[in-house]
């Protein structure tokens, strides 16, 4: 059975932390591919995100040299609201039923997973690979303990879920920090891949407070 990683995010911009997460997950769980799915612009964040097509182009550039990494625009191409459950089902349609989908999420998302649309169906369709971010490790570990057999919390709804931690070394790189550095005129080379840095410099992305593309 083929193992497909599904890494959804705004990638505003994609940075080395994203690539390290994907590679660690790929290696640890023997994933055949990791799909980098660029998320559309939520209405409440329209002034903080680059246009989805620009973000997707950076994802394409960042993943070009790794044959296991695949940029995907399926959420950008979808009409109407975009939910992870729909993306999982679409990936199964594209790659066939004989796959195991591994949904890569940050540890900060795990305690809120039960609020996602059709989360029980979602958990039945994929394994969840949790990335313990530096400031969320304790919260993530607590949530993972609630998944185990010793859990007494009946409201989590993760009893039969396949949820595991990614062995990620943790690096202090974030999209917000990168955007702040760019606005301050500081370099972000090697915080983002060289190809992404070239696009950012060439097109002037993130130089204004709104980070809107010109």
N, C-alpha and C. Protein backbone atom coordinates (compact mmCIF):
# COMPACT_ATOMS: atom_id res chain seq x y z
N UNK A 1 0.84 -1.20 0.00
CA UNK A 1 0.00 0.00 0.00
C UNK A 1 0.88 1.25 0.00
N UNK A 2 0.60 2.16 -0.91
CA UNK A 2 1.38 3.38 -0.98
C UNK A 2 1.03 4.32 0.17
N UNK A 3 2.04 5.00 0.67
CA UNK A 3 1.88 5.93 1.78
C UNK A 3 1.99 7.36 1.24
N UNK A 4 0.94 8.13 1.39
CA UNK A 4 0.91 9.50 0.88
C UNK A 4 0.82 10.47 2.06
N UNK A 5 1.77 11.40 2.13
CA UNK A 5 1.71 12.44 3.15
C UNK A 5 0.90 13.61 2.62
N UNK A 6 0.10 14.21 3.47
CA UNK A 6 -0.73 15.36 3.09
C UNK A 6 -0.41 16.51 4.04
N UNK A 7 0.23 17.53 3.50
CA UNK A 7 0.69 18.66 4.30
C UNK A 7 -0.02 19.90 3.76
N UNK A 8 -1.05 20.34 4.46
CA UNK A 8 -1.84 21.49 4.03
C UNK A 8 -1.40 22.73 4.82
N UNK A 9 -1.31 23.86 4.15
CA UNK A 9 -0.93 25.08 4.84
C UNK A 9 -1.03 26.29 3.93
N UNK A 10 -0.99 27.46 4.55
CA UNK A 10 -1.01 28.68 3.75
C UNK A 10 0.35 28.91 3.09
N UNK A 11 1.42 28.43 3.72
CA UNK A 11 2.78 28.58 3.18
C UNK A 11 3.01 30.04 2.77
N UNK A 12 3.01 30.89 3.79
CA UNK A 12 3.03 32.35 3.58
C UNK A 12 4.26 33.02 4.22
N UNK A 13 5.48 32.70 3.79
CA UNK A 13 5.83 31.82 2.68
C UNK A 13 6.22 30.43 3.18
N UNK A 14 6.39 29.51 2.26
CA UNK A 14 6.97 28.21 2.61
C UNK A 14 8.41 28.45 3.05
N UNK A 15 8.85 27.74 4.10
CA UNK A 15 10.20 27.96 4.61
C UNK A 15 10.87 26.63 4.94
N UNK A 16 12.11 26.71 5.42
CA UNK A 16 12.88 25.51 5.65
C UNK A 16 12.27 24.61 6.72
N UNK A 17 11.57 25.22 7.68
CA UNK A 17 10.89 24.41 8.69
C UNK A 17 9.88 23.48 8.07
N UNK A 18 9.11 23.98 7.09
CA UNK A 18 8.12 23.14 6.40
C UNK A 18 8.81 21.97 5.70
N UNK A 19 9.92 22.26 5.04
CA UNK A 19 10.61 21.22 4.29
C UNK A 19 11.23 20.18 5.22
N UNK A 20 11.76 20.62 6.35
CA UNK A 20 12.33 19.68 7.31
C UNK A 20 11.24 18.80 7.91
N UNK A 21 10.11 19.40 8.24
CA UNK A 21 8.98 18.62 8.76
C UNK A 21 8.59 17.53 7.77
N UNK A 22 8.41 17.92 6.50
CA UNK A 22 7.98 16.96 5.48
C UNK A 22 9.01 15.85 5.29
N UNK A 23 10.29 16.21 5.30
CA UNK A 23 11.33 15.20 5.10
C UNK A 23 11.44 14.26 6.31
N UNK A 24 11.29 14.81 7.50
CA UNK A 24 11.31 13.95 8.69
C UNK A 24 10.14 12.98 8.68
N UNK A 25 8.98 13.46 8.31
CA UNK A 25 7.80 12.60 8.24
C UNK A 25 7.97 11.56 7.14
N UNK A 26 8.49 11.99 6.00
CA UNK A 26 8.69 11.06 4.88
C UNK A 26 9.62 9.92 5.29
N UNK A 27 10.72 10.26 5.94
CA UNK A 27 11.70 9.26 6.33
C UNK A 27 11.16 8.36 7.44
N UNK A 28 10.56 8.94 8.45
CA UNK A 28 10.10 8.16 9.61
C UNK A 28 8.99 7.18 9.24
N UNK A 29 8.07 7.61 8.37
CA UNK A 29 6.90 6.80 8.06
C UNK A 29 6.95 6.22 6.64
N UNK A 30 8.11 6.33 6.00
CA UNK A 30 8.34 5.73 4.68
C UNK A 30 7.26 6.16 3.68
N UNK A 31 7.06 7.46 3.61
CA UNK A 31 6.05 7.99 2.71
C UNK A 31 6.58 8.01 1.28
N UNK A 32 5.74 7.60 0.34
CA UNK A 32 6.13 7.62 -1.06
C UNK A 32 6.15 9.03 -1.61
N UNK A 33 5.18 9.83 -1.17
CA UNK A 33 5.09 11.23 -1.60
C UNK A 33 4.57 12.07 -0.44
N UNK A 34 4.94 13.34 -0.45
CA UNK A 34 4.33 14.31 0.46
C UNK A 34 3.73 15.41 -0.41
N UNK A 35 2.42 15.56 -0.33
CA UNK A 35 1.74 16.59 -1.09
C UNK A 35 1.71 17.88 -0.28
N UNK A 36 2.23 18.96 -0.83
CA UNK A 36 2.17 20.27 -0.20
C UNK A 36 0.96 20.99 -0.78
N UNK A 37 -0.12 21.03 -0.02
CA UNK A 37 -1.37 21.60 -0.50
C UNK A 37 -1.48 23.05 -0.02
N UNK A 38 -1.42 23.97 -0.96
CA UNK A 38 -1.53 25.39 -0.62
C UNK A 38 -2.99 25.73 -0.34
N UNK A 39 -3.25 26.24 0.85
CA UNK A 39 -4.61 26.58 1.25
C UNK A 39 -5.03 27.92 0.68
N UNK A 40 -6.32 28.08 0.39
CA UNK A 40 -6.81 29.37 -0.11
C UNK A 40 -6.77 30.42 0.98
N UNK A 41 -7.08 31.63 0.61
CA UNK A 41 -7.05 32.75 1.55
C UNK A 41 -8.35 32.82 2.35
N UNK A 42 -8.30 32.59 3.67
CA UNK A 42 -9.50 32.75 4.48
C UNK A 42 -9.93 34.21 4.48
N UNK A 43 -11.23 34.51 4.47
CA UNK A 43 -11.70 35.90 4.44
C UNK A 43 -11.14 36.75 5.57
N UNK A 44 -10.96 36.16 6.78
CA UNK A 44 -10.51 36.94 7.93
C UNK A 44 -9.01 37.22 7.90
N UNK A 45 -8.30 36.62 6.91
CA UNK A 45 -6.87 36.84 6.82
C UNK A 45 -6.46 37.40 5.47
N UNK A 46 -7.41 37.94 4.73
CA UNK A 46 -7.14 38.38 3.37
C UNK A 46 -6.06 39.45 3.31
N UNK A 47 -5.93 40.25 4.38
CA UNK A 47 -4.94 41.33 4.36
C UNK A 47 -3.57 40.85 4.83
N UNK A 48 -3.47 39.59 5.21
CA UNK A 48 -2.20 39.08 5.73
C UNK A 48 -1.53 38.07 4.81
N UNK A 49 -2.23 37.60 3.79
CA UNK A 49 -1.70 36.57 2.93
C UNK A 49 -1.48 37.06 1.52
N UNK A 50 -0.42 36.56 0.91
CA UNK A 50 -0.25 36.76 -0.51
C UNK A 50 -1.35 36.01 -1.25
N UNK A 51 -1.60 36.41 -2.46
CA UNK A 51 -2.52 35.68 -3.30
C UNK A 51 -2.11 34.21 -3.36
N UNK A 52 -3.09 33.33 -3.38
CA UNK A 52 -2.80 31.90 -3.35
C UNK A 52 -1.91 31.43 -4.49
N UNK A 53 -2.07 32.00 -5.67
CA UNK A 53 -1.25 31.58 -6.80
C UNK A 53 0.22 31.94 -6.60
N UNK A 54 0.49 33.07 -5.92
CA UNK A 54 1.87 33.45 -5.64
C UNK A 54 2.47 32.51 -4.60
N UNK A 55 1.67 32.16 -3.58
CA UNK A 55 2.16 31.25 -2.56
C UNK A 55 2.41 29.86 -3.15
N UNK A 56 1.53 29.46 -4.05
CA UNK A 56 1.68 28.16 -4.71
C UNK A 56 2.94 28.13 -5.56
N UNK A 57 3.24 29.21 -6.23
CA UNK A 57 4.45 29.29 -7.04
C UNK A 57 5.70 29.11 -6.17
N UNK A 58 5.68 29.70 -4.98
CA UNK A 58 6.81 29.53 -4.07
C UNK A 58 6.93 28.08 -3.61
N UNK A 59 5.79 27.43 -3.37
CA UNK A 59 5.79 26.01 -3.00
C UNK A 59 6.38 25.18 -4.14
N UNK A 60 6.00 25.49 -5.36
CA UNK A 60 6.56 24.78 -6.51
C UNK A 60 8.09 24.93 -6.55
N UNK A 61 8.55 26.13 -6.34
CA UNK A 61 9.99 26.39 -6.37
C UNK A 61 10.71 25.66 -5.24
N UNK A 62 10.12 25.67 -4.04
CA UNK A 62 10.75 25.08 -2.87
C UNK A 62 10.86 23.56 -2.95
N UNK A 63 9.90 22.93 -3.63
CA UNK A 63 9.84 21.47 -3.66
C UNK A 63 10.43 20.86 -4.92
N UNK A 64 10.88 21.68 -5.84
CA UNK A 64 11.27 21.21 -7.17
C UNK A 64 12.41 20.19 -7.15
N UNK A 65 13.32 20.29 -6.18
CA UNK A 65 14.50 19.43 -6.18
C UNK A 65 14.31 18.11 -5.43
N UNK A 66 13.16 17.92 -4.80
CA UNK A 66 12.92 16.68 -4.07
C UNK A 66 11.86 15.86 -4.81
N UNK A 67 12.22 14.71 -5.37
CA UNK A 67 11.27 13.91 -6.15
C UNK A 67 10.11 13.36 -5.33
N UNK A 68 10.25 13.38 -4.00
CA UNK A 68 9.18 12.87 -3.13
C UNK A 68 8.17 13.97 -2.76
N UNK A 69 8.50 15.22 -3.05
CA UNK A 69 7.63 16.34 -2.70
C UNK A 69 6.81 16.76 -3.93
N UNK A 70 5.51 16.92 -3.72
CA UNK A 70 4.61 17.26 -4.82
C UNK A 70 3.77 18.47 -4.45
N UNK A 71 3.91 19.59 -5.16
CA UNK A 71 3.05 20.75 -4.89
C UNK A 71 1.65 20.47 -5.40
N UNK A 72 0.65 20.91 -4.67
CA UNK A 72 -0.73 20.68 -5.07
C UNK A 72 -1.56 21.94 -4.91
N UNK A 73 -2.38 22.22 -5.91
CA UNK A 73 -3.27 23.39 -5.90
C UNK A 73 -4.73 22.98 -5.80
N UNK A 74 -5.00 21.76 -5.31
CA UNK A 74 -6.38 21.28 -5.33
C UNK A 74 -7.31 22.13 -4.47
N UNK A 75 -6.81 22.68 -3.37
CA UNK A 75 -7.69 23.53 -2.55
C UNK A 75 -7.88 24.90 -3.19
N UNK A 76 -6.87 25.40 -3.88
CA UNK A 76 -6.99 26.68 -4.56
C UNK A 76 -7.98 26.58 -5.72
N UNK A 77 -8.05 25.41 -6.34
CA UNK A 77 -8.93 25.20 -7.49
C UNK A 77 -10.36 24.87 -7.09
N UNK A 78 -10.58 24.57 -5.82
CA UNK A 78 -11.91 24.18 -5.35
C UNK A 78 -12.81 25.39 -5.24
N UNK A 79 -14.06 25.23 -5.65
CA UNK A 79 -15.04 26.30 -5.54
C UNK A 79 -15.72 26.23 -4.18
N UNK A 80 -15.83 27.35 -3.51
CA UNK A 80 -16.48 27.40 -2.20
C UNK A 80 -15.51 27.09 -1.07
N UNK A 81 -16.04 26.92 0.14
CA UNK A 81 -15.19 26.67 1.31
C UNK A 81 -14.36 25.40 1.14
N UNK A 82 -13.18 25.41 1.71
CA UNK A 82 -12.27 24.27 1.57
C UNK A 82 -12.07 23.62 2.93
N UNK A 83 -12.39 22.33 3.02
CA UNK A 83 -12.23 21.59 4.27
C UNK A 83 -11.27 20.42 4.06
N UNK A 84 -10.55 20.07 5.12
CA UNK A 84 -9.57 19.01 5.02
C UNK A 84 -10.20 17.68 4.62
N UNK A 85 -11.40 17.40 5.11
CA UNK A 85 -12.06 16.15 4.75
C UNK A 85 -12.27 16.06 3.25
N UNK A 86 -12.59 17.19 2.61
CA UNK A 86 -12.79 17.19 1.16
C UNK A 86 -11.47 16.95 0.44
N UNK A 87 -10.40 17.53 0.98
CA UNK A 87 -9.08 17.34 0.37
C UNK A 87 -8.65 15.89 0.46
N UNK A 88 -8.86 15.27 1.62
CA UNK A 88 -8.51 13.86 1.79
C UNK A 88 -9.26 13.00 0.78
N UNK A 89 -10.54 13.25 0.62
CA UNK A 89 -11.34 12.46 -0.32
C UNK A 89 -10.88 12.68 -1.76
N UNK A 90 -10.51 13.92 -2.08
CA UNK A 90 -10.05 14.21 -3.43
C UNK A 90 -8.72 13.53 -3.71
N UNK A 91 -7.85 13.51 -2.71
CA UNK A 91 -6.56 12.82 -2.87
C UNK A 91 -6.77 11.34 -3.11
N UNK A 92 -7.73 10.76 -2.42
CA UNK A 92 -8.04 9.34 -2.61
C UNK A 92 -8.57 9.10 -4.03
N UNK A 93 -9.33 10.05 -4.55
CA UNK A 93 -9.83 9.93 -5.91
C UNK A 93 -8.69 10.01 -6.92
N UNK A 94 -7.75 10.92 -6.67
CA UNK A 94 -6.63 11.11 -7.58
C UNK A 94 -5.67 9.93 -7.56
N UNK A 95 -5.33 9.43 -6.38
CA UNK A 95 -4.30 8.40 -6.25
C UNK A 95 -4.86 6.99 -6.11
N UNK A 96 -6.17 6.86 -5.98
CA UNK A 96 -6.78 5.55 -5.86
C UNK A 96 -7.03 5.15 -4.42
N UNK A 97 -7.84 4.14 -4.24
CA UNK A 97 -8.21 3.68 -2.91
C UNK A 97 -7.09 2.94 -2.20
N UNK A 98 -6.13 2.40 -2.97
CA UNK A 98 -5.07 1.60 -2.39
C UNK A 98 -3.92 2.48 -1.90
N UNK A 99 -4.26 3.46 -1.06
CA UNK A 99 -3.26 4.34 -0.46
C UNK A 99 -3.61 4.53 1.01
N UNK A 100 -2.61 4.90 1.77
CA UNK A 100 -2.84 5.33 3.14
C UNK A 100 -2.44 6.78 3.23
N UNK A 101 -3.38 7.62 3.62
CA UNK A 101 -3.11 9.04 3.70
C UNK A 101 -2.62 9.38 5.10
N UNK A 102 -1.54 10.13 5.16
CA UNK A 102 -0.94 10.57 6.42
C UNK A 102 -1.05 12.08 6.50
N UNK A 103 -1.97 12.56 7.32
CA UNK A 103 -2.23 13.99 7.44
C UNK A 103 -1.25 14.61 8.43
N UNK A 104 -0.42 15.52 7.94
CA UNK A 104 0.59 16.17 8.78
C UNK A 104 0.02 17.46 9.34
N UNK A 105 -0.03 17.56 10.67
CA UNK A 105 -0.55 18.77 11.31
C UNK A 105 0.39 19.22 12.42
N UNK A 106 0.31 20.50 12.77
CA UNK A 106 1.07 21.03 13.89
C UNK A 106 0.44 20.64 15.21
N UNK A 107 1.26 20.52 16.24
CA UNK A 107 0.76 20.14 17.55
C UNK A 107 -0.29 21.10 18.10
N UNK A 108 -0.26 22.36 17.65
CA UNK A 108 -1.24 23.33 18.12
C UNK A 108 -2.63 23.04 17.58
N UNK A 109 -2.72 22.26 16.50
CA UNK A 109 -4.02 21.93 15.91
C UNK A 109 -4.67 20.72 16.57
N UNK A 110 -3.87 19.87 17.19
CA UNK A 110 -4.39 18.61 17.70
C UNK A 110 -5.52 18.79 18.72
N UNK A 111 -5.40 19.68 19.72
CA UNK A 111 -6.49 19.81 20.69
C UNK A 111 -7.79 20.31 20.08
N UNK A 112 -7.71 20.87 18.86
CA UNK A 112 -8.91 21.42 18.21
C UNK A 112 -9.41 20.54 17.07
N UNK A 113 -8.79 19.37 16.91
CA UNK A 113 -9.14 18.51 15.79
C UNK A 113 -10.60 18.10 15.82
N UNK A 114 -11.15 17.97 17.02
CA UNK A 114 -12.55 17.54 17.13
C UNK A 114 -13.54 18.61 16.64
N UNK A 115 -13.06 19.81 16.37
CA UNK A 115 -13.93 20.87 15.85
C UNK A 115 -13.92 20.92 14.32
N UNK A 116 -13.05 20.14 13.68
CA UNK A 116 -12.96 20.15 12.23
C UNK A 116 -14.18 19.47 11.62
N UNK A 117 -14.52 19.87 10.42
CA UNK A 117 -15.69 19.31 9.75
C UNK A 117 -15.55 17.80 9.59
N UNK A 118 -16.59 17.07 10.03
CA UNK A 118 -16.64 15.61 9.89
C UNK A 118 -15.36 14.95 10.41
N UNK A 119 -14.92 15.40 11.61
CA UNK A 119 -13.61 14.96 12.09
C UNK A 119 -13.54 13.46 12.32
N UNK A 120 -14.64 12.82 12.71
CA UNK A 120 -14.61 11.38 12.94
C UNK A 120 -14.39 10.64 11.62
N UNK A 121 -15.06 11.07 10.57
CA UNK A 121 -14.83 10.47 9.26
C UNK A 121 -13.40 10.74 8.80
N UNK A 122 -12.92 11.95 9.05
CA UNK A 122 -11.55 12.31 8.68
C UNK A 122 -10.55 11.37 9.33
N UNK A 123 -10.72 11.12 10.62
CA UNK A 123 -9.79 10.25 11.35
C UNK A 123 -9.89 8.79 10.89
N UNK A 124 -11.03 8.42 10.33
CA UNK A 124 -11.18 7.06 9.82
C UNK A 124 -10.50 6.88 8.47
N UNK A 125 -10.22 8.00 7.80
CA UNK A 125 -9.66 7.94 6.45
C UNK A 125 -8.15 8.15 6.41
N UNK A 126 -7.57 8.58 7.53
CA UNK A 126 -6.13 8.87 7.48
C UNK A 126 -5.47 8.68 8.84
N UNK A 127 -4.17 8.54 8.80
CA UNK A 127 -3.35 8.59 10.00
C UNK A 127 -2.93 10.03 10.20
N UNK A 128 -2.87 10.49 11.43
CA UNK A 128 -2.51 11.87 11.71
C UNK A 128 -1.09 11.90 12.27
N UNK A 129 -0.21 12.63 11.58
CA UNK A 129 1.16 12.78 12.01
C UNK A 129 1.30 14.16 12.64
N UNK A 130 1.57 14.20 13.93
CA UNK A 130 1.58 15.44 14.69
C UNK A 130 3.01 15.95 14.85
N UNK A 131 3.21 17.19 14.47
CA UNK A 131 4.53 17.82 14.58
C UNK A 131 4.57 18.63 15.87
N UNK A 132 5.40 18.25 16.83
CA UNK A 132 5.47 18.98 18.10
C UNK A 132 6.27 20.27 17.96
N UNK A 133 5.57 21.38 17.76
CA UNK A 133 6.24 22.67 17.65
C UNK A 133 6.80 23.07 19.01
N UNK A 134 7.83 23.87 19.00
CA UNK A 134 8.56 24.20 20.23
C UNK A 134 7.66 24.69 21.34
N UNK A 135 6.75 25.61 21.04
CA UNK A 135 5.94 26.19 22.12
C UNK A 135 4.68 25.39 22.41
N UNK A 136 4.46 24.30 21.65
CA UNK A 136 3.25 23.53 21.85
C UNK A 136 3.52 22.09 22.29
N UNK A 137 4.78 21.79 22.59
CA UNK A 137 5.11 20.40 22.88
C UNK A 137 4.29 19.86 24.06
N UNK A 138 4.20 20.61 25.14
CA UNK A 138 3.46 20.11 26.30
C UNK A 138 2.00 19.90 25.98
N UNK A 139 1.40 20.87 25.29
CA UNK A 139 -0.02 20.75 24.96
C UNK A 139 -0.25 19.59 24.01
N UNK A 140 0.66 19.42 23.06
CA UNK A 140 0.54 18.33 22.11
C UNK A 140 0.64 16.98 22.82
N UNK A 141 1.64 16.85 23.70
CA UNK A 141 1.82 15.60 24.42
C UNK A 141 0.61 15.27 25.28
N UNK A 142 0.03 16.31 25.89
CA UNK A 142 -1.16 16.10 26.70
C UNK A 142 -2.29 15.56 25.85
N UNK A 143 -2.47 16.16 24.67
CA UNK A 143 -3.54 15.71 23.79
C UNK A 143 -3.29 14.28 23.33
N UNK A 144 -2.03 13.95 23.07
CA UNK A 144 -1.71 12.59 22.65
C UNK A 144 -2.00 11.59 23.77
N UNK A 145 -1.74 11.98 25.00
CA UNK A 145 -2.04 11.08 26.11
C UNK A 145 -3.54 10.81 26.20
N UNK A 146 -4.34 11.83 25.84
CA UNK A 146 -5.79 11.65 25.90
C UNK A 146 -6.26 10.67 24.84
N UNK A 147 -5.44 10.43 23.82
CA UNK A 147 -5.81 9.49 22.77
C UNK A 147 -5.62 8.05 23.24
N UNK A 148 -4.72 7.85 24.19
CA UNK A 148 -4.34 6.51 24.61
C UNK A 148 -5.40 5.78 25.42
N UNK A 149 -5.11 4.56 25.75
CA UNK A 149 -6.05 3.70 26.45
C UNK A 149 -6.35 4.19 27.86
N UNK A 150 -5.44 4.95 28.44
CA UNK A 150 -5.64 5.41 29.81
C UNK A 150 -6.53 6.65 29.89
N UNK A 151 -6.97 7.14 28.73
CA UNK A 151 -7.77 8.34 28.72
C UNK A 151 -9.11 8.14 29.42
N UNK A 152 -9.50 9.14 30.21
CA UNK A 152 -10.81 9.12 30.85
C UNK A 152 -11.71 10.20 30.28
N UNK A 153 -11.21 10.93 29.28
CA UNK A 153 -11.97 12.01 28.66
C UNK A 153 -12.79 11.44 27.51
N UNK A 154 -14.11 11.43 27.65
CA UNK A 154 -14.98 10.84 26.63
C UNK A 154 -15.43 11.85 25.59
N UNK A 155 -14.98 13.09 25.70
CA UNK A 155 -15.41 14.11 24.76
C UNK A 155 -14.43 14.35 23.62
N UNK A 156 -13.26 13.75 23.72
CA UNK A 156 -12.25 13.98 22.68
C UNK A 156 -12.63 13.27 21.39
N UNK A 157 -13.14 12.05 21.48
CA UNK A 157 -13.58 11.33 20.30
C UNK A 157 -12.45 10.76 19.46
N UNK A 158 -11.27 10.58 20.05
CA UNK A 158 -10.13 10.08 19.30
C UNK A 158 -9.82 8.62 19.63
N UNK A 159 -10.74 7.91 20.24
CA UNK A 159 -10.45 6.58 20.77
C UNK A 159 -9.85 5.64 19.75
N UNK A 160 -10.37 5.64 18.52
CA UNK A 160 -9.91 4.70 17.52
C UNK A 160 -9.01 5.34 16.47
N UNK A 161 -8.53 6.54 16.77
CA UNK A 161 -7.72 7.27 15.80
C UNK A 161 -6.28 6.77 15.80
N UNK A 162 -5.65 6.90 14.65
CA UNK A 162 -4.24 6.56 14.50
C UNK A 162 -3.47 7.88 14.48
N UNK A 163 -2.96 8.28 15.64
CA UNK A 163 -2.28 9.57 15.80
C UNK A 163 -0.90 9.34 16.39
N UNK A 164 0.12 9.82 15.70
CA UNK A 164 1.49 9.59 16.15
C UNK A 164 2.31 10.87 16.00
N UNK A 165 3.39 10.94 16.76
CA UNK A 165 4.27 12.11 16.71
C UNK A 165 5.35 11.96 15.65
N UNK A 166 5.65 13.06 14.97
CA UNK A 166 6.76 13.10 14.04
C UNK A 166 8.03 13.42 14.83
N UNK A 167 9.09 12.70 14.54
CA UNK A 167 10.37 12.95 15.20
C UNK A 167 11.03 14.14 14.51
N UNK A 168 10.62 15.32 14.95
CA UNK A 168 11.05 16.57 14.34
C UNK A 168 11.97 17.31 15.29
N UNK A 169 13.18 17.71 14.84
CA UNK A 169 14.14 18.33 15.76
C UNK A 169 13.71 19.69 16.26
N UNK A 170 12.83 20.37 15.54
CA UNK A 170 12.35 21.68 15.98
C UNK A 170 13.32 22.79 15.64
N UNK A 171 12.87 23.72 14.82
CA UNK A 171 13.69 24.89 14.51
C UNK A 171 12.83 26.13 14.68
N UNK A 172 13.46 27.19 15.16
CA UNK A 172 12.71 28.42 15.47
C UNK A 172 12.59 29.30 14.22
N UNK A 173 11.87 28.79 13.22
CA UNK A 173 11.59 29.54 12.00
C UNK A 173 10.08 29.55 11.81
N UNK A 174 9.53 30.71 11.56
CA UNK A 174 8.08 30.81 11.33
C UNK A 174 7.82 31.81 10.22
N UNK A 175 6.65 31.67 9.60
CA UNK A 175 6.27 32.60 8.55
C UNK A 175 6.19 34.03 9.05
N UNK A 176 5.65 34.21 10.26
CA UNK A 176 5.50 35.57 10.79
C UNK A 176 6.86 36.21 11.03
N UNK A 177 7.81 35.42 11.54
CA UNK A 177 9.16 35.95 11.77
C UNK A 177 9.84 36.32 10.46
N UNK A 178 9.64 35.49 9.44
CA UNK A 178 10.21 35.78 8.13
C UNK A 178 9.62 37.06 7.56
N UNK A 179 8.32 37.23 7.66
CA UNK A 179 7.68 38.44 7.14
C UNK A 179 8.17 39.68 7.88
N UNK A 180 8.35 39.55 9.20
CA UNK A 180 8.86 40.68 9.99
C UNK A 180 10.28 41.05 9.57
N UNK A 181 11.11 40.06 9.32
CA UNK A 181 12.48 40.32 8.91
C UNK A 181 12.52 41.01 7.54
N UNK A 182 11.66 40.56 6.64
CA UNK A 182 11.63 41.17 5.32
C UNK A 182 11.21 42.63 5.41
N UNK A 183 10.19 42.91 6.22
CA UNK A 183 9.74 44.30 6.38
C UNK A 183 10.82 45.16 7.02
N UNK A 184 11.68 44.53 7.82
CA UNK A 184 12.78 45.27 8.47
C UNK A 184 14.02 45.35 7.59
N UNK A 185 13.94 44.80 6.38
CA UNK A 185 15.07 44.85 5.47
C UNK A 185 16.16 43.84 5.77
N UNK A 186 15.84 42.79 6.54
CA UNK A 186 16.83 41.78 6.92
C UNK A 186 16.76 40.58 5.97
N UNK A 187 17.85 39.86 5.88
CA UNK A 187 17.90 38.68 5.02
C UNK A 187 17.08 37.53 5.59
N UNK A 188 16.49 36.74 4.71
CA UNK A 188 15.81 35.51 5.12
C UNK A 188 16.36 34.31 4.34
N UNK A 189 17.47 34.53 3.63
CA UNK A 189 18.09 33.45 2.89
C UNK A 189 18.50 32.33 3.84
N UNK A 190 18.15 31.12 3.47
CA UNK A 190 18.35 29.88 4.23
C UNK A 190 17.32 29.70 5.34
N UNK A 191 16.55 30.75 5.65
CA UNK A 191 15.32 30.51 6.39
C UNK A 191 14.27 30.02 5.40
N UNK A 192 14.37 30.51 4.17
CA UNK A 192 13.59 30.00 3.04
C UNK A 192 14.58 29.45 2.03
N UNK A 193 14.17 28.52 1.17
CA UNK A 193 15.07 28.00 0.15
C UNK A 193 15.55 29.12 -0.78
N UNK A 194 16.74 28.99 -1.35
CA UNK A 194 17.25 30.03 -2.25
C UNK A 194 16.28 30.40 -3.37
N UNK A 195 15.59 29.42 -3.95
CA UNK A 195 14.66 29.71 -5.04
C UNK A 195 13.50 30.57 -4.56
N UNK A 196 13.03 30.32 -3.34
CA UNK A 196 11.95 31.11 -2.76
C UNK A 196 12.45 32.51 -2.42
N UNK A 197 13.66 32.58 -1.87
CA UNK A 197 14.25 33.88 -1.56
C UNK A 197 14.37 34.75 -2.82
N UNK A 198 14.72 34.11 -3.92
CA UNK A 198 14.86 34.84 -5.19
C UNK A 198 13.51 35.41 -5.62
N UNK A 199 12.44 34.64 -5.47
CA UNK A 199 11.11 35.14 -5.83
C UNK A 199 10.69 36.29 -4.92
N UNK A 200 10.97 36.15 -3.63
CA UNK A 200 10.59 37.19 -2.67
C UNK A 200 11.32 38.50 -3.00
N UNK A 201 12.61 38.40 -3.28
CA UNK A 201 13.38 39.61 -3.57
C UNK A 201 12.99 40.21 -4.92
N UNK A 202 12.77 39.37 -5.90
CA UNK A 202 12.46 39.83 -7.24
C UNK A 202 11.12 40.56 -7.29
N UNK A 203 10.15 40.05 -6.53
CA UNK A 203 8.79 40.58 -6.62
C UNK A 203 8.39 41.45 -5.44
N UNK A 204 9.28 41.57 -4.47
CA UNK A 204 9.00 42.46 -3.36
C UNK A 204 7.93 41.97 -2.41
N UNK A 205 7.76 40.66 -2.31
CA UNK A 205 6.74 40.11 -1.41
C UNK A 205 7.05 40.46 0.04
N UNK A 206 5.99 40.73 0.80
CA UNK A 206 6.04 40.91 2.26
C UNK A 206 6.75 42.19 2.71
N UNK A 207 7.05 43.10 1.79
CA UNK A 207 7.75 44.32 2.20
C UNK A 207 6.83 45.35 2.82
N UNK A 208 5.52 45.20 2.63
CA UNK A 208 4.56 46.08 3.27
C UNK A 208 3.89 45.38 4.41
N UNK A 209 3.28 46.12 5.30
CA UNK A 209 2.66 45.55 6.50
C UNK A 209 1.57 44.56 6.13
N UNK A 210 0.84 44.82 5.04
CA UNK A 210 -0.27 43.96 4.67
C UNK A 210 0.18 42.71 3.95
N UNK A 211 1.45 42.71 3.48
CA UNK A 211 1.98 41.57 2.74
C UNK A 211 1.19 41.32 1.46
N UNK A 212 0.50 42.31 0.94
CA UNK A 212 -0.27 42.13 -0.28
C UNK A 212 0.66 42.17 -1.47
N UNK A 213 0.39 41.34 -2.46
CA UNK A 213 1.22 41.31 -3.67
C UNK A 213 0.92 42.51 -4.52
N UNK A 214 1.96 43.06 -5.09
CA UNK A 214 1.80 44.21 -5.98
C UNK A 214 1.81 43.74 -7.43
